[in-house]
Every structure is written in structure tokens, then in C-alpha cells.
Amino acid sequence: MNVSFEIEASPRAEAGKGASRRLRRQGLVPAIVYGGHEEPEMIALVHNDLVRHLAEEAFYSHVLDLKVGDKAAKVVVKDLQRHPSKPFVQHVDFQRVSADENIRMMVPLHFLNEGAAKGVKMGGSVSHNITEIEITCLPKDLPEFIAIDMAEMNIGDIVHLSEVPMPRGVALAHAPDPDLPVVILHGGHVAGPEEAGGGEAGAGGETPASS
């Protein structure tokens, strides 16, 4: 997709909790960039600019253009720490990428045509057991998401991890259980004998005790 993200950052010299708190009071986010056969570098980002990027799903699974002073690098987001109770980003880890070296990334799954699936039209319901998977690929092949088309799924159908369609140049990073269910289309609720009998169990006005 023709989506690009440019991140402006500044180098920082101080480390530690005290230095990070001072940055946050100034509206900045402490971060680090590492990898790419270079030394790790501590940087700082403008919080509000970062938040605007984070509103885009593609930001999390995209090769980003990071500028630190007069230096530029291709990076991906490897870790993001948020405040547990406030809408603030506390720290970001970026990894440099090389065009000829594979990277491992978590990418989201998009379930296409879920509402139009054959089994859903018959009254079935959908369970998503996995919503993102770890893949490996060259940076140029990194997908924004991986799509699973559910249009032809019937009641009882299951898409397993090994059946998720991988884009060209992309592979599962690891599959300890290739039969792990990713999405299941269950049958609709079937009334039991007591329900089918017109609610006789409830006629006396008694409520069954919970076990």
C-alpha cells in the first residue's frame, strides 16, 4: 500500500526514570532505536505527533522513516509502553531494518466478508481465536495485515493456522501447533428438550439454583 510514515526525533543523552519523567513533562516520549548492526541510540519523540501516527493501524506493521537530526533510518515498532490508566505513551522501542535481512513482526488479521459468510447467513456465529500472527519476511514484503476471506465458510468450518494465506515472500515466524484454530464458524443455538417444550420448567415460577 502507498502509505508512508515519517517520524522526527531528537537524540537524548540522559537515561533513567528521572530523565524519562522530565521528558514526559515536556510533552516528549523517551524511545530507543537499535539493530541494523549499529549501536543503540536513545531518542525522544513529540508525544502528540506520535499519538497521531498510532491512530493508524498500519503504523504498527509498517517500515517507518525515522529522522534523528540529520540521520535517517528505516525502522519498525518493536515495543510500545502505555500508561496503565492515562492516554499517554511512556516509551517506544524501534528496530532498524536492512533491505536484505528478514524481520519478525506481529501483523493483524483482517476477516473479510464475515457478515456475508454462508454459515452466518444460516444463523451461525463466528469466534476469532487469533487476531494477529507473527511473520517473517524482508522489509519490502511486510504486509499491513493478512486477510482471511470468510465468504465461503459454512457452519462447522474452521480456518487453522496452517491454512492462513500468506502473501508472497511472507512466512509464519513459527507454528508450534499448525492445527491451532484461528477462526471458527459455529452453528446457531439449538433449543434443548425443556426449551422446546414451551418453557414448562419455568411454569411454576421457580428459578433453578445456580451450581
Protein backbone atom coordinates (compact mmCIF):
# COMPACT_ATOMS: atom_id res chain seq x y z
CA MET A 1 0.00 0.00 0.00
CA ASN A 2 1.16 3.54 -0.70
CA VAL A 3 1.35 4.53 2.94
CA SER A 4 4.40 6.15 4.49
CA PHE A 5 5.19 7.41 7.96
CA GLU A 6 7.91 9.91 8.81
CA ILE A 7 8.96 10.28 12.43
CA GLU A 8 11.00 13.23 13.65
CA ALA A 9 13.10 12.56 16.74
CA SER A 10 15.90 14.19 18.67
CA PRO A 11 18.84 12.50 20.41
CA ARG A 12 18.87 12.37 24.20
CA ALA A 13 21.82 11.88 26.49
CA GLU A 14 20.22 11.16 29.86
CA ALA A 15 18.83 7.77 30.81
CA GLY A 16 16.92 6.55 33.84
CA LYS A 17 13.49 7.09 35.35
CA GLY A 18 14.16 10.66 36.44
CA ALA A 19 15.27 11.73 32.97
CA SER A 20 12.27 9.99 31.39
CA ARG A 21 9.85 11.76 33.73
CA ARG A 22 11.37 15.12 32.83
CA LEU A 23 10.92 14.37 29.12
CA ARG A 24 7.29 13.40 29.62
CA ARG A 25 6.60 16.64 31.50
CA GLN A 26 7.87 18.44 28.38
CA GLY A 27 5.45 16.55 26.14
CA LEU A 28 8.10 14.14 24.86
CA VAL A 29 8.30 10.35 24.77
CA PRO A 30 11.59 8.59 25.57
CA ALA A 31 12.49 5.97 23.00
CA ILE A 32 15.35 3.82 21.80
CA VAL A 33 16.40 2.63 18.36
CA TYR A 34 18.61 -0.43 17.96
CA GLY A 35 19.66 -3.10 15.48
CA GLY A 36 20.93 -2.74 11.94
CA HIS A 37 24.49 -3.57 13.06
CA GLU A 38 24.70 -0.20 14.81
CA GLU A 39 24.88 0.83 18.45
CA PRO A 40 21.59 1.52 20.26
CA GLU A 41 20.64 5.19 20.36
CA MET A 42 18.41 6.95 22.88
CA ILE A 43 15.97 9.39 21.30
CA ALA A 44 12.91 11.46 22.17
CA LEU A 45 9.68 11.99 20.20
CA VAL A 46 6.95 14.60 20.41
CA HIS A 47 4.09 12.82 22.18
CA ASN A 48 1.20 14.35 20.22
CA ASP A 49 2.87 13.64 16.87
CA LEU A 50 3.39 10.01 17.89
CA VAL A 51 -0.23 9.65 19.02
CA ARG A 52 -1.44 10.84 15.61
CA HIS A 53 0.63 8.10 13.97
CA LEU A 54 -0.62 5.48 16.42
CA ALA A 55 -4.20 6.17 15.36
CA GLU A 56 -3.35 4.42 12.07
CA GLU A 57 -3.35 0.61 12.26
CA ALA A 58 -0.71 0.44 9.52
CA PHE A 59 1.81 2.24 11.75
CA TYR A 60 2.31 -0.87 13.88
CA SER A 61 3.18 -3.16 10.93
CA HIS A 62 4.93 -0.82 8.55
CA VAL A 63 8.50 0.17 7.75
CA LEU A 64 8.85 3.72 9.08
CA ASP A 65 11.19 6.57 8.15
CA LEU A 66 12.91 7.74 11.32
CA LYS A 67 14.88 11.00 11.24
CA VAL A 68 17.17 11.85 14.15
CA GLY A 69 18.84 15.16 13.44
CA ASP A 70 20.48 14.81 10.02
CA LYS A 71 20.43 10.99 10.10
CA ALA A 72 17.70 8.82 8.62
CA ALA A 73 16.93 5.14 9.13
CA LYS A 74 14.27 2.59 8.21
CA VAL A 75 12.71 1.17 11.37
CA VAL A 76 9.77 -0.81 12.71
CA VAL A 77 7.99 -0.57 16.06
CA LYS A 78 9.06 -3.46 18.30
CA ASP A 79 7.57 -2.42 21.63
CA LEU A 80 5.22 0.25 22.91
CA GLN A 81 4.54 1.01 26.56
CA ARG A 82 1.40 2.92 27.53
CA HIS A 83 0.38 4.40 30.87
CA PRO A 84 -1.90 1.86 32.62
CA SER A 85 -4.67 4.37 33.33
CA LYS A 86 -3.98 7.50 31.29
CA PRO A 87 -3.91 8.07 27.50
CA PHE A 88 -0.14 8.55 27.40
CA VAL A 89 2.63 6.66 25.64
CA GLN A 90 5.53 6.12 28.02
CA HIS A 91 8.23 4.51 25.88
CA VAL A 92 8.84 3.16 22.38
CA ASP A 93 11.38 0.68 21.02
CA PHE A 94 12.29 0.92 17.35
CA GLN A 95 14.36 -1.63 15.43
CA ARG A 96 16.44 -0.65 12.41
CA VAL A 97 15.87 -2.83 9.36
CA SER A 98 18.11 -3.79 6.46
CA ALA A 99 16.72 -4.34 2.99
CA ASP A 100 18.37 -7.76 2.65
CA GLU A 101 17.65 -9.16 6.13
CA ASN A 102 14.43 -10.81 7.28
CA ILE A 103 12.49 -9.25 10.13
CA ARG A 104 9.97 -10.79 12.55
CA MET A 105 6.79 -8.82 13.11
CA MET A 106 3.33 -9.23 14.57
CA VAL A 107 0.69 -8.29 11.99
CA PRO A 108 -3.09 -8.14 12.43
CA LEU A 109 -5.55 -10.49 10.78
CA HIS A 110 -8.49 -9.00 8.88
CA PHE A 111 -11.55 -11.20 8.50
CA LEU A 112 -13.17 -10.31 5.18
CA ASN A 113 -16.83 -10.92 4.29
CA GLU A 114 -17.63 -12.14 7.79
CA GLY A 115 -21.20 -10.89 7.73
CA ALA A 116 -21.72 -12.36 4.25
CA ALA A 117 -20.33 -15.81 5.12
CA LYS A 118 -22.64 -18.67 4.13
CA GLY A 119 -22.75 -20.02 7.67
CA VAL A 120 -23.52 -16.63 9.18
CA LYS A 121 -26.46 -16.23 6.80
CA MET A 122 -27.73 -19.59 8.11
CA GLY A 123 -27.68 -18.30 11.68
CA GLY A 124 -24.17 -19.29 12.66
CA SER A 125 -21.81 -17.28 14.82
CA VAL A 126 -18.11 -16.53 14.49
CA SER A 127 -15.33 -16.96 17.05
CA HIS A 128 -11.94 -15.30 16.50
CA ASN A 129 -9.35 -17.26 18.46
CA ILE A 130 -6.37 -15.39 16.99
CA THR A 131 -6.36 -11.78 15.79
CA GLU A 132 -2.65 -11.32 14.99
CA ILE A 133 0.22 -13.58 13.97
CA GLU A 134 4.00 -13.35 13.93
CA ILE A 135 5.51 -13.47 10.46
CA THR A 136 8.96 -13.24 8.93
CA CYS A 137 9.84 -11.50 5.67
CA LEU A 138 12.08 -8.95 4.05
CA PRO A 139 11.14 -5.34 4.85
CA LYS A 140 9.86 -4.77 1.31
CA ASP A 141 7.37 -7.64 1.71
CA LEU A 142 5.99 -6.60 5.12
CA PRO A 143 2.17 -6.66 4.87
CA GLU A 144 -0.01 -4.15 6.68
CA PHE A 145 -2.33 -7.03 7.55
CA ILE A 146 -3.15 -10.57 6.43
CA ALA A 147 -6.65 -11.19 5.08
CA ILE A 148 -8.81 -14.25 5.62
CA ASP A 149 -11.81 -14.38 3.29
CA MET A 150 -14.76 -15.94 5.13
CA ALA A 151 -17.33 -15.68 2.32
CA GLU A 152 -17.41 -19.45 1.62
CA MET A 153 -17.28 -20.63 5.23
CA ASN A 154 -20.17 -22.84 6.32
CA ILE A 155 -21.32 -23.80 9.80
CA GLY A 156 -18.70 -26.05 11.34
CA ASP A 157 -15.85 -24.73 9.20
CA ILE A 158 -12.54 -23.86 10.86
CA VAL A 159 -9.54 -21.99 9.48
CA HIS A 160 -6.38 -23.36 11.10
CA LEU A 161 -3.10 -21.53 11.50
CA SER A 162 -1.51 -23.59 8.73
CA GLU A 163 -4.34 -22.56 6.37
CA VAL A 164 -3.92 -18.79 6.75
CA PRO A 165 -2.99 -17.48 3.28
CA MET A 166 0.46 -15.90 3.33
CA PRO A 167 1.30 -13.10 0.87
CA ARG A 168 4.24 -13.64 -1.47
CA GLY A 169 7.55 -13.51 0.38
CA VAL A 170 5.92 -13.90 3.81
CA ALA A 171 6.05 -16.93 6.13
CA LEU A 172 4.89 -17.75 9.63
CA ALA A 173 7.68 -17.00 12.07
CA HIS A 174 6.87 -20.15 13.99
CA ALA A 175 3.96 -22.54 14.13
CA PRO A 176 4.24 -24.76 17.21
CA ASP A 177 0.74 -26.03 16.52
CA PRO A 178 -0.26 -25.70 12.86
CA ASP A 179 -3.73 -27.03 13.73
CA LEU A 180 -4.43 -24.14 16.09
CA PRO A 181 -7.86 -22.74 15.14
CA VAL A 182 -7.80 -19.13 14.01
CA VAL A 183 -11.49 -18.57 13.26
CA ILE A 184 -14.45 -20.89 13.77
CA LEU A 185 -17.98 -20.65 12.39
CA HIS A 186 -20.27 -22.23 14.98
CA GLY A 187 -23.82 -23.37 14.50
CA GLY A 188 -26.69 -21.31 15.88
CA HIS A 189 -28.24 -22.04 19.27
CA VAL A 190 -30.36 -25.19 19.25
CA ALA A 191 -33.18 -25.40 21.79
CA GLY A 192 -32.93 -28.24 24.31
CA PRO A 193 -35.87 -30.53 25.20
CA GLU A 194 -37.05 -28.31 28.07
CA GLU A 195 -36.94 -25.15 25.94
CA ALA A 196 -38.72 -26.90 23.09
CA GLY A 197 -41.48 -27.96 25.47
CA GLY A 198 -42.79 -24.43 25.78
CA GLY A 199 -40.96 -23.47 28.97
CA GLU A 200 -42.70 -25.96 31.26
CA ALA A 201 -39.75 -25.85 33.65
CA GLY A 202 -40.45 -22.18 34.28
CA ALA A 203 -44.23 -22.50 34.61
CA GLY A 204 -44.06 -22.88 38.37
CA GLY A 205 -42.21 -19.61 38.69
CA GLU A 206 -39.16 -21.28 40.23
CA THR A 207 -35.68 -20.23 39.29
CA PRO A 208 -33.16 -23.08 39.05
CA ALA A 209 -30.41 -22.77 41.60
CA SER A 210 -27.02 -21.90 40.16
CA SER A 211 -24.42 -24.61 40.53
